[in-house]
Protein backbone atom coordinates (compact mmCIF):
# COMPACT_ATOMS: atom_id res chain seq x y z
CA UNK A 1 -118.63 11.66 56.33
CA UNK A 2 -115.38 13.01 54.94
CA UNK A 3 -113.02 14.53 57.44
CA UNK A 4 -111.58 17.92 56.44
CA UNK A 5 -109.60 18.37 59.62
CA UNK A 6 -106.01 18.48 58.42
CA UNK A 7 -102.61 19.12 59.91
CA UNK A 8 -102.50 22.85 60.44
CA UNK A 9 -98.72 22.98 60.14
CA UNK A 10 -97.95 24.75 56.90
CA UNK A 11 -95.05 23.04 55.13
CA UNK A 12 -92.71 25.45 53.38
CA UNK A 13 -92.49 23.40 50.15
CA UNK A 14 -92.29 26.34 47.84
CA UNK A 15 -89.02 28.10 47.15
CA UNK A 16 -89.22 31.86 46.91
CA UNK A 17 -89.60 33.09 43.35
CA UNK A 18 -86.62 34.84 41.78
CA UNK A 19 -87.59 37.80 39.71
CA UNK A 20 -84.98 38.12 36.94
CA UNK A 21 -85.26 37.93 33.19
CA UNK A 22 -86.90 34.47 33.67
CA UNK A 23 -90.61 34.83 33.09
CA UNK A 24 -92.89 34.44 36.09
CA UNK A 25 -95.04 32.27 33.86
CA UNK A 26 -92.37 29.55 33.74
CA UNK A 27 -91.96 28.85 37.48
CA UNK A 28 -91.82 25.22 38.59
CA UNK A 29 -92.98 23.69 41.86
CA UNK A 30 -90.28 24.38 44.44
CA UNK A 31 -89.91 20.72 45.56
CA UNK A 32 -86.79 18.70 45.75
CA UNK A 33 -88.73 15.74 44.33
CA UNK A 34 -88.08 15.20 40.61
CA UNK A 35 -91.11 16.24 38.59
CA UNK A 36 -91.81 12.79 37.19
CA UNK A 37 -91.94 11.30 40.73
CA UNK A 38 -93.89 14.11 42.43
CA UNK A 39 -97.53 13.96 43.53
CA UNK A 40 -98.22 10.30 42.92
CA UNK A 41 -99.88 9.26 46.21
CA UNK A 42 -102.63 10.36 48.57
CA UNK A 43 -100.12 11.56 51.15
CA UNK A 44 -98.14 13.58 48.55
CA UNK A 45 -101.32 15.21 47.24
CA UNK A 46 -102.16 16.36 50.74
CA UNK A 47 -98.63 17.67 51.35
CA UNK A 48 -98.51 19.40 48.01
CA UNK A 49 -101.77 21.16 48.71
CA UNK A 50 -100.44 22.25 52.07
CA UNK A 51 -97.43 23.67 50.19
CA UNK A 52 -99.74 25.67 47.97
CA UNK A 53 -101.29 27.23 51.05
CA UNK A 54 -97.79 27.92 52.36
CA UNK A 55 -97.07 29.90 49.16
CA UNK A 56 -100.20 31.96 49.83
CA UNK A 57 -98.65 33.12 53.15
CA UNK A 58 -96.02 35.16 51.19
CA UNK A 59 -95.52 38.73 52.29
CA UNK A 60 -95.96 39.59 48.60
CA UNK A 61 -99.56 38.59 48.74
CA UNK A 62 -102.39 38.98 51.30
CA UNK A 63 -100.09 39.46 54.29
CA UNK A 64 -98.20 42.26 52.57
CA UNK A 65 -97.99 43.95 49.15
CA UNK A 66 -101.31 42.72 47.69
CA UNK A 67 -103.19 44.13 50.65
CA UNK A 68 -101.17 47.25 51.53
CA UNK A 69 -99.93 48.60 48.21
CA UNK A 70 -103.31 49.42 46.72
CA UNK A 71 -104.38 51.17 49.99
CA UNK A 72 -101.14 53.24 50.19
CA UNK A 73 -101.55 54.17 46.49
CA UNK A 74 -105.09 55.41 47.17
CA UNK A 75 -106.32 58.18 49.42
CA UNK A 76 -106.55 56.35 52.78
CA UNK A 77 -103.25 57.21 54.46
CA UNK A 78 -100.48 59.78 54.52
CA UNK A 79 -96.72 59.27 54.69
CA UNK A 80 -95.29 60.85 57.82
CA UNK A 81 -92.38 63.29 57.53
CA UNK A 82 -89.34 61.31 58.56
CA UNK A 83 -90.70 57.94 57.38
CA UNK A 84 -88.44 55.09 56.16
CA UNK A 85 -89.46 55.57 52.52
CA UNK A 86 -91.22 52.25 52.46
CA UNK A 87 -93.71 52.25 49.53
CA UNK A 88 -92.56 55.81 48.78
CA UNK A 89 -92.84 55.51 45.03
CA UNK A 90 -96.23 53.86 45.39
CA UNK A 91 -97.57 56.66 47.59
CA UNK A 92 -96.27 59.35 45.17
CA UNK A 93 -97.68 57.46 42.13
CA UNK A 94 -94.24 57.08 40.67
CA UNK A 95 -94.98 53.48 39.75
CA UNK A 96 -92.85 51.91 37.08
CA UNK A 97 -92.71 48.41 35.53
CA UNK A 98 -89.51 47.73 37.49
CA UNK A 99 -91.17 48.40 40.87
CA UNK A 100 -90.18 45.54 43.24
CA UNK A 101 -93.57 45.30 44.93
CA UNK A 102 -95.49 45.20 41.65
CA UNK A 103 -93.10 42.51 40.33
CA UNK A 104 -93.44 40.51 43.55
CA UNK A 105 -97.27 40.50 43.49
CA UNK A 106 -97.30 39.42 39.79
CA UNK A 107 -94.66 36.74 40.26
CA UNK A 108 -96.07 35.33 43.47
CA UNK A 109 -99.57 35.01 42.07
CA UNK A 110 -98.28 33.16 39.05
CA UNK A 111 -96.08 30.98 41.19
CA UNK A 112 -99.20 29.82 43.14
CA UNK A 113 -101.02 29.32 39.82
CA UNK A 114 -98.11 27.16 38.52
CA UNK A 115 -98.37 24.88 41.52
CA UNK A 116 -102.18 24.67 41.13
CA UNK A 117 -101.72 23.66 37.55
CA UNK A 118 -99.23 20.96 38.53
CA UNK A 119 -101.62 19.66 41.14
CA UNK A 120 -104.60 19.65 38.73
CA UNK A 121 -102.53 17.90 36.08
CA UNK A 122 -101.65 14.99 38.33
CA UNK A 123 -104.50 14.58 40.78
CA UNK A 124 -106.89 12.57 38.56
CA UNK A 125 -104.28 9.80 38.25
CA UNK A 126 -103.86 9.78 42.04
CA UNK A 127 -107.65 9.58 42.44
CA UNK A 128 -107.87 6.71 39.88
CA UNK A 129 -105.40 4.70 41.90
CA UNK A 130 -107.42 4.95 45.15
CA UNK A 131 -109.39 1.97 46.44
CA UNK A 132 -110.78 3.59 49.61
CA UNK A 133 -113.96 5.63 49.02
CA UNK A 134 -113.11 8.15 51.78
CA UNK A 135 -109.77 8.87 50.13
CA UNK A 136 -111.40 9.49 46.77
CA UNK A 137 -113.89 11.87 48.39
CA UNK A 138 -111.13 13.74 50.20
CA UNK A 139 -109.05 14.10 47.08
CA UNK A 140 -112.01 15.35 45.12
CA UNK A 141 -112.42 17.96 47.87
CA UNK A 142 -108.77 18.90 47.60
CA UNK A 143 -109.20 19.28 43.87
CA UNK A 144 -112.06 21.70 44.51
CA UNK A 145 -109.82 23.72 46.84
CA UNK A 146 -107.18 24.02 44.14
CA UNK A 147 -109.70 25.22 41.56
CA UNK A 148 -110.86 27.86 44.12
CA UNK A 149 -107.27 28.96 44.79
CA UNK A 150 -106.45 29.27 41.12
CA UNK A 151 -109.66 31.26 40.55
CA UNK A 152 -108.72 33.58 43.44
CA UNK A 153 -105.22 34.17 42.07
CA UNK A 154 -106.44 34.90 38.61
CA UNK A 155 -109.08 37.26 39.94
CA UNK A 156 -106.38 39.16 41.87
CA UNK A 157 -104.18 39.43 38.73
CA UNK A 158 -107.13 40.76 36.70
CA UNK A 159 -107.97 43.25 39.44
CA UNK A 160 -104.35 44.55 39.59
CA UNK A 161 -103.27 44.40 35.92
CA UNK A 162 -106.43 44.92 33.88
CA UNK A 163 -108.90 47.70 33.27
CA UNK A 164 -112.22 47.70 35.05
CA UNK A 165 -114.68 45.27 33.43
CA UNK A 166 -117.23 46.73 31.06
CA UNK A 167 -119.55 44.07 29.53
CA UNK A 168 -119.71 46.08 26.30
CA UNK A 169 -115.94 46.28 25.76
CA UNK A 170 -114.47 43.30 27.70
CA UNK A 171 -113.92 41.27 24.56
CA UNK A 172 -111.57 43.93 23.15
CA UNK A 173 -109.69 44.78 26.39
CA UNK A 174 -106.49 43.05 27.49
CA UNK A 175 -106.84 40.42 30.18
CA UNK A 176 -104.07 38.30 31.68
CA UNK A 177 -101.86 35.53 30.36
CA UNK A 178 -103.80 32.34 30.95
CA UNK A 179 -101.93 29.30 32.16
CA UNK A 180 -104.04 26.20 32.88
CA UNK A 181 -101.41 23.48 32.04
CA UNK A 182 -98.05 22.64 33.55
CA UNK A 183 -96.29 20.25 31.19
CA UNK A 184 -97.70 21.59 27.90
CA UNK A 185 -96.54 24.87 26.32
CA UNK A 186 -99.06 27.65 26.07
CA UNK A 187 -98.96 31.10 24.36
CA UNK A 188 -97.13 33.86 26.21
CA UNK A 189 -99.65 36.49 25.24
CA UNK A 190 -102.52 38.04 27.09
CA UNK A 191 -106.10 36.85 26.58
CA UNK A 192 -109.02 39.21 26.43
CA UNK A 193 -110.54 40.52 29.67
CA UNK A 194 -113.70 38.58 28.86
CA UNK A 195 -111.73 35.32 28.44
CA UNK A 196 -109.79 35.93 31.60
CA UNK A 197 -112.94 36.29 33.65
CA UNK A 198 -114.42 33.28 31.87
CA UNK A 199 -111.55 31.13 33.25
CA UNK A 200 -112.22 32.43 36.73
CA UNK A 201 -115.86 31.58 36.49
CA UNK A 202 -115.15 28.13 35.05
CA UNK A 203 -112.74 27.35 37.89
CA UNK A 204 -115.30 28.57 40.44
CA UNK A 205 -117.92 26.33 38.80
CA UNK A 206 -115.65 23.33 39.22
CA UNK A 207 -114.87 24.25 42.78
CA UNK A 208 -118.54 24.79 43.68
CA UNK A 209 -119.32 21.34 42.36
CA UNK A 210 -116.59 19.64 44.31
CA UNK A 211 -116.89 21.51 47.62
CA UNK A 212 -119.91 20.88 49.85
CA UNK A 213 -121.55 23.52 52.03
CA UNK A 214 -121.93 20.78 54.70
CA UNK A 215 -118.21 21.23 55.42
CA UNK A 216 -118.23 25.03 55.61
CA UNK A 217 -116.81 26.41 58.81
CA UNK A 218 -116.02 29.86 60.10
CA UNK A 219 -112.40 31.09 60.45
CA UNK A 220 -111.37 28.53 57.83
CA UNK A 221 -107.68 28.24 56.85
CA UNK A 222 -108.66 26.24 53.78
CA UNK A 223 -110.87 26.96 50.80
CA UNK A 224 -114.52 25.90 51.37
CA UNK A 225 -117.77 26.06 49.46
CA UNK A 226 -118.39 29.32 51.40
CA UNK A 227 -115.07 30.73 50.11
CA UNK A 228 -116.18 29.98 46.59
CA UNK A 229 -119.47 31.76 47.16
CA UNK A 230 -117.66 34.83 48.64
CA UNK A 231 -115.33 35.05 45.61
CA UNK A 232 -118.17 34.43 43.24
CA UNK A 233 -120.11 37.38 44.69
CA UNK A 234 -116.98 39.65 44.55
CA UNK A 235 -116.24 38.68 40.95
CA UNK A 236 -119.81 39.28 39.95
CA UNK A 237 -119.70 42.74 41.48
CA UNK A 238 -116.58 43.54 39.46
CA UNK A 239 -118.26 42.16 36.28
CA UNK A 240 -121.40 44.23 36.90
CA UNK A 241 -123.48 41.06 37.19
CA UNK A 242 -125.69 42.36 39.88
CA UNK A 243 -128.15 39.49 40.10
CA UNK A 244 -125.34 36.96 40.53
CA UNK A 245 -123.67 39.09 43.16
CA UNK A 246 -126.93 39.21 45.12
CA UNK A 247 -127.45 35.43 44.74
CA UNK A 248 -124.03 34.42 46.05
CA UNK A 249 -123.83 37.03 48.80
CA UNK A 250 -127.24 35.75 50.00
CA UNK A 251 -125.90 32.21 50.15
CA UNK A 252 -123.54 33.36 52.88
CA UNK A 253 -125.70 35.84 54.67
CA UNK A 254 -128.45 33.21 54.86
CA UNK A 255 -126.18 30.18 55.08
CA UNK A 256 -128.18 26.96 55.38
CA UNK A 257 -126.32 25.94 58.49
CA UNK A 258 -126.23 29.46 60.03
CA UNK A 259 -122.49 29.15 59.87
CA UNK A 260 -121.62 32.87 59.66
CA UNK A 261 -122.59 35.95 61.68
CA UNK A 262 -121.29 39.47 61.94
CA UNK A 263 -118.97 39.99 64.89
CA UNK A 264 -121.05 42.19 67.16
CA UNK A 265 -119.17 45.21 68.58
CA UNK A 266 -122.00 45.69 71.11
CA UNK A 267 -121.69 42.17 72.67
CA UNK A 268 -118.98 41.32 75.16
CA UNK A 269 -116.90 38.26 74.39
CA UNK A 270 -114.67 38.80 77.44
CA UNK A 271 -114.69 41.44 80.18
CA UNK A 272 -112.46 43.68 78.03
CA UNK A 273 -113.32 42.76 74.46
CA UNK A 274 -116.39 42.73 72.22
CA UNK A 275 -116.79 40.00 69.59
CA UNK A 276 -115.60 42.55 67.03
CA UNK A 277 -112.52 43.34 69.14
CA UNK A 278 -111.80 39.68 69.51
CA UNK A 279 -111.80 39.10 65.77
CA UNK A 280 -108.98 41.50 65.25
CA UNK A 281 -107.04 40.57 68.44
CA UNK A 282 -107.19 36.80 68.08
CA UNK A 283 -108.16 36.22 64.41
CA UNK A 284 -111.22 34.29 65.42
CA UNK A 285 -114.84 35.07 64.62
CA UNK A 286 -118.02 33.68 63.09
CA UNK A 287 -117.69 36.50 60.58
CA UNK A 288 -114.43 35.12 58.98
CA UNK A 289 -115.18 33.09 55.88
CA UNK A 290 -111.58 32.47 54.95
CA UNK A 291 -108.26 33.69 56.26
CA UNK A 292 -104.61 32.95 55.49
CA UNK A 293 -103.64 30.60 58.29
CA UNK A 294 -100.57 31.45 60.42
CA UNK A 295 -98.99 29.81 63.43
CA UNK A 296 -96.34 31.36 65.74
CA UNK A 297 -93.69 29.29 63.95
CA UNK A 298 -95.06 29.68 60.40
CA UNK A 299 -96.39 33.03 59.27
CA UNK A 300 -96.15 35.55 56.47
CA UNK A 301 -95.75 39.34 56.46
CA UNK A 302 -96.45 41.79 59.20
CA UNK A 303 -99.38 43.91 58.08
CA UNK A 304 -99.07 46.26 61.02
CA UNK A 305 -95.40 47.19 60.73
CA UNK A 306 -95.69 50.29 58.54
CA UNK A 307 -98.55 51.70 60.68
CA UNK A 308 -96.78 51.17 64.02
CA UNK A 309 -92.99 50.63 63.79
CA UNK A 310 -92.93 50.35 67.50
CA UNK A 311 -89.54 50.32 69.30
CA UNK A 312 -88.27 47.14 70.87
CA UNK A 313 -89.36 48.30 74.29
CA UNK A 314 -92.83 49.02 72.84
CA UNK A 315 -92.71 52.60 74.07
CA UNK A 316 -92.39 54.78 70.98
CA UNK A 317 -94.14 54.58 67.66
CA UNK A 318 -92.58 55.67 64.37
CA UNK A 319 -95.39 54.99 61.87
CA UNK A 320 -94.53 55.36 58.18
CA UNK A 321 -98.15 55.99 57.42
CA UNK A 322 -101.04 57.36 59.45
CA UNK A 323 -104.80 57.45 58.59
CA UNK A 324 -106.05 60.34 56.43
CA UNK A 325 -107.92 62.94 58.35
CA UNK A 326 -110.97 62.54 56.10
CA UNK A 327 -111.08 58.84 56.90
CA UNK A 328 -111.08 59.45 60.68
CA UNK A 329 -113.85 61.92 60.18
CA UNK A 330 -116.13 59.28 58.63
CA UNK A 331 -116.61 57.55 62.01
CA UNK A 332 -119.25 59.00 64.30
CA UNK A 333 -118.87 59.03 68.06
CA UNK A 334 -121.11 55.94 68.29
CA UNK A 335 -119.08 53.88 65.81
CA UNK A 336 -117.30 51.21 67.80
CA UNK A 337 -114.97 50.39 64.91
CA UNK A 338 -112.97 53.55 65.59
CA UNK A 339 -111.53 52.38 68.92
CA UNK A 340 -110.88 48.90 67.47
CA UNK A 341 -109.04 50.26 64.44
CA UNK A 342 -107.29 53.39 65.83
CA UNK A 343 -105.48 54.64 68.88
CA UNK A 344 -104.10 58.19 69.39
CA UNK A 345 -100.40 58.22 70.31
CA UNK A 346 -97.54 60.71 70.40
CA UNK A 347 -94.96 59.42 67.94
CA UNK A 348 -91.25 59.33 68.65
CA UNK A 349 -90.38 61.63 65.72
CA UNK A 350 -88.69 64.98 66.40
CA UNK A 351 -91.90 66.68 65.33
CA UNK A 352 -93.68 64.57 68.00
CA UNK A 353 -96.80 64.08 65.83
CA UNK A 354 -99.77 63.12 67.95
CA UNK A 355 -102.27 61.24 65.80
CA UNK A 356 -104.46 58.12 65.72
CA UNK A 357 -102.36 55.20 64.36
CA UNK A 358 -103.85 52.06 62.97
CA UNK A 359 -103.94 49.29 65.57
CA UNK A 360 -106.15 46.96 63.57
CA UNK A 361 -103.04 44.97 62.77
CA UNK A 362 -101.30 45.35 66.15
CA UNK A 363 -100.93 41.61 66.07
CA UNK A 364 -102.43 38.28 67.08
CA UNK A 365 -102.42 38.28 70.90
CA UNK A 366 -101.55 34.60 71.11
CA UNK A 367 -98.49 35.25 68.92
CA UNK A 368 -97.50 38.12 71.14
CA UNK A 369 -97.91 36.19 74.42
CA UNK A 370 -96.39 32.93 73.16
CA UNK A 371 -93.57 34.17 70.92
CA UNK A 372 -93.28 37.92 71.34
CA UNK A 373 -94.34 38.39 67.71
CA UNK A 374 -95.94 41.80 67.16
CA UNK A 375 -97.74 43.38 64.25
CA UNK A 376 -98.54 39.96 62.61
CA UNK A 377 -102.20 39.37 62.01
CA UNK A 378 -103.79 36.74 59.79
CA UNK A 379 -105.15 38.33 56.61
CA UNK A 380 -108.91 38.01 56.18
CA UNK A 381 -109.66 38.14 52.44
CA UNK A 382 -113.26 37.07 52.91
CA UNK A 383 -115.45 38.37 55.72
CA UNK A 384 -119.24 38.34 56.01
CA UNK A 385 -119.22 42.19 56.30
CA UNK A 386 -118.05 42.44 52.69
CA UNK A 387 -120.89 40.29 51.51
CA UNK A 388 -123.41 42.72 53.03
CA UNK A 389 -121.68 45.59 51.26
CA UNK A 390 -121.61 43.65 47.95
CA UNK A 391 -125.25 42.86 48.17
CA UNK A 392 -126.19 46.37 49.13
CA UNK A 393 -124.33 47.84 46.14
CA UNK A 394 -125.74 45.24 43.80
CA UNK A 395 -129.31 45.89 44.91
CA UNK A 396 -128.70 49.61 44.10
CA UNK A 397 -127.32 48.90 40.67
CA UNK A 398 -130.02 46.61 39.40
CA UNK A 399 -131.97 47.74 36.33
CA UNK A 400 -134.83 48.34 38.84
CA UNK A 401 -132.90 49.29 41.98
CA UNK A 402 -134.03 48.03 45.33
CA UNK A 403 -132.88 50.78 47.66
CA UNK A 404 -135.02 49.46 50.54
CA UNK A 405 -133.20 46.07 50.53
CA UNK A 406 -129.88 47.75 50.18
CA UNK A 407 -130.54 50.07 53.13
CA UNK A 408 -131.58 47.04 55.15
CA UNK A 409 -128.20 45.43 54.60
CA UNK A 410 -126.27 48.58 55.50
CA UNK A 411 -128.42 49.01 58.61
CA UNK A 412 -127.73 45.36 59.65
CA UNK A 413 -124.00 45.96 59.25
CA UNK A 414 -123.99 49.27 61.11
CA UNK A 415 -126.13 47.83 63.91
CA UNK A 416 -123.37 45.38 64.59
CA UNK A 417 -120.82 48.16 64.75
CA UNK A 418 -122.53 51.11 66.45
CA UNK A 419 -124.01 51.86 69.84
CA UNK A 420 -126.86 54.06 68.61
CA UNK A 421 -129.48 53.91 65.86
CA UNK A 422 -127.87 52.82 62.63
CA UNK A 423 -130.73 53.12 60.17
CA UNK A 424 -129.85 54.14 56.60
CA UNK A 425 -131.83 55.67 53.84
CA UNK A 426 -130.67 55.25 50.25
CA UNK A 427 -131.72 57.02 47.02
CA UNK A 428 -130.47 57.19 43.46
CA UNK A 429 -128.59 60.37 44.43
CA UNK A 430 -126.78 59.14 47.58
CA UNK A 431 -126.41 55.37 47.34
CA UNK A 432 -122.88 55.21 45.88
CA UNK A 433 -121.41 57.85 48.19
CA UNK A 434 -123.05 56.16 51.20
CA UNK A 435 -121.81 52.66 50.28
CA UNK A 436 -118.35 54.00 49.35
CA UNK A 437 -118.02 55.61 52.77
CA UNK A 438 -119.24 52.46 54.56
CA UNK A 439 -116.68 50.37 52.60
CA UNK A 440 -113.93 52.69 53.88
CA UNK A 441 -115.20 52.48 57.48
CA UNK A 442 -115.49 48.72 57.46
CA UNK A 443 -112.70 47.56 55.11
CA UNK A 444 -110.01 50.09 55.94
CA UNK A 445 -106.56 48.90 54.87
CA UNK A 446 -107.83 45.48 53.75
CA UNK A 447 -106.94 46.09 50.11
CA UNK A 448 -110.14 47.42 48.48
CA UNK A 449 -110.05 51.14 47.98
CA UNK A 450 -107.92 51.53 44.82
CA UNK A 451 -109.84 48.90 43.01
CA UNK A 452 -113.20 50.33 44.14
CA UNK A 453 -112.20 53.72 42.66
CA UNK A 454 -111.14 52.04 39.46
CA UNK A 455 -114.30 49.99 39.01
CA UNK A 456 -116.64 52.94 39.88
CA UNK A 457 -114.74 55.26 37.51
CA UNK A 458 -116.79 58.28 36.49
CA UNK A 459 -119.82 57.01 38.42
CA UNK A 460 -118.13 58.10 41.66
CA UNK A 461 -117.98 61.88 42.15
CA UNK A 462 -118.09 62.40 38.37
CA UNK A 463 -114.68 60.76 37.93
CA UNK A 464 -112.86 63.27 40.13
CA UNK A 465 -110.89 60.45 41.72
CA UNK A 466 -109.25 62.00 44.81
CA UNK A 467 -107.18 64.94 45.93
CA UNK A 468 -104.83 64.76 48.82
CA UNK A 469 -104.54 67.83 51.04
CA UNK A 470 -101.53 68.13 53.37
CA UNK A 471 -102.17 67.18 56.99
CA UNK A 472 -100.10 67.59 60.10
CA UNK A 473 -96.48 66.44 59.65
CA UNK A 474 -97.30 64.68 56.35
CA UNK A 475 -94.58 64.26 53.83
CA UNK A 476 -94.53 67.14 51.41
CA UNK A 477 -93.99 64.98 48.35
CA UNK A 478 -97.33 63.33 47.62
CA UNK A 479 -99.49 65.25 50.11
CA UNK A 480 -101.08 67.44 47.42
CA UNK A 481 -101.52 64.80 44.74
CA UNK A 482 -104.61 64.94 42.54
CA UNK A 483 -105.65 61.78 40.67
CA UNK A 484 -108.64 61.54 38.34
CA UNK A 485 -110.50 58.30 37.63
CA UNK A 486 -108.93 58.02 34.14
CA UNK A 487 -105.32 57.87 35.35
CA UNK A 488 -103.50 54.96 33.69
CA UNK A 489 -101.89 53.82 36.99
CA UNK A 490 -105.22 52.53 38.24
CA UNK A 491 -103.99 49.63 36.18
CA UNK A 492 -100.59 48.51 37.33
CA UNK A 493 -97.86 48.09 34.68
CA UNK A 494 -96.82 44.60 33.59
CA UNK A 495 -93.36 43.92 35.14
CA UNK A 496 -90.59 44.84 32.71
CA UNK A 497 -88.85 41.49 33.10
CA UNK A 498 -92.01 39.80 31.92
CA UNK A 499 -92.12 41.87 28.74
CA UNK A 500 -88.37 41.24 28.06
CA UNK A 501 -88.12 37.58 29.01
CA UNK A 502 -87.10 35.28 26.06
CA UNK A 503 -89.99 34.45 23.73
CA UNK A 504 -92.41 36.76 25.52
CA UNK A 505 -95.35 38.03 23.59
CA UNK A 506 -96.92 39.73 26.67
CA UNK A 507 -98.51 43.07 25.75
CA UNK A 508 -97.80 46.08 28.04
CA UNK A 509 -100.37 48.26 29.73
CA UNK A 510 -100.77 51.96 29.10
CA UNK A 511 -99.00 52.48 32.45
CA UNK A 512 -95.91 50.75 31.08
CA UNK A 513 -95.33 53.64 28.65
């Protein structure tokens, strides 16, 4: 049996990307080893893959901008009067192609892709040189992980920088610039949206063939067969391929080895924490399919900082953003998620705002006790809860909807989160609003809301999008914003340096104009 237990220390092999007039598409692996001598042995392949994972810790990605920026841009939180102006342009929808956060997301994703391409270009020669069967099997597994990582990065680029997928128009819509090679030149122009998703699906197919469900495990720091299924279900949802979304979500919900289970908020893990509490306090749970692995000496961004900004004596809070009042109102008194996600405090501002702040990302308790590191939590891009939500929505959007099956999935999820009866009834008239609300309750500030609004478009509240209404001590600028579903900034602008880099043929988005 192949061992997939690897050194959990994440080697910082990748140099931070520099965003100048150099194209993000031309980044090279940040290793001191000359290119011709790099990745030639089993040990180097393992270390290089570990370096790819280190790049994924970047605060520009899941532990920072990629998770937080879409949520701040949407209708989930309000800037507090007196805030530090972090993400201020994002919150006010003054988003330009020179925005540093947008540039960083774009560049960091392509930097990971470049390293994946380098790995995939060289790994077959490394495999061919092996004489030990176990090494060959392990390297094949690593290859599957890299295909999965590349698919994930491209899916995120598509989600951020492309229009919502419509099967009838995807061939004509702009996708992303596709890079699958490292040493050979490729066109610097955008493929179609259809072709972009085709690449993601092809990479996932390779990954699924190379990764075995026998080696799935909960709380994984590395890509597994289960991670591939989770991404496949999400991508299918975005592509309106409802049958496939149901198929892959079911593979996880009914995992052959019963590997995953919802973290039950009604069951005590310790005398002071439920299983659900423990997932957010210690980043451990049967529910976690894949998370970005941190250690107290090697970690990425601090997801909790803008929601807490606690003073060094941990007495006063100066949150930049607090939850929207309408979001807080979605949780009933029997919903146990509320106390796990929010805590009412009196802030240290002159106006002494008293309001529930987000404590979901207060920080990993081991990091706090061992190294006094607060507000750092491991990002959890794939959780089982999302798979229930994906399957429920897909059931409702079939040509012949199955509202009973969808309601059962929502009831199962709610039963793991609420103290009282959690039964749900769905119809053609209420299913989308019900699922949308449940996605907010469950996935709050995990990076989903903006993209949900984009993909639902006019189907959700007739395309009204959202309207912010001022709440207590909210920043005046942005608190009364109205955004309809056809707003061009639901698709982020291509970074200006990418459009202006030498030899670039990258086409802009409508939001670039």
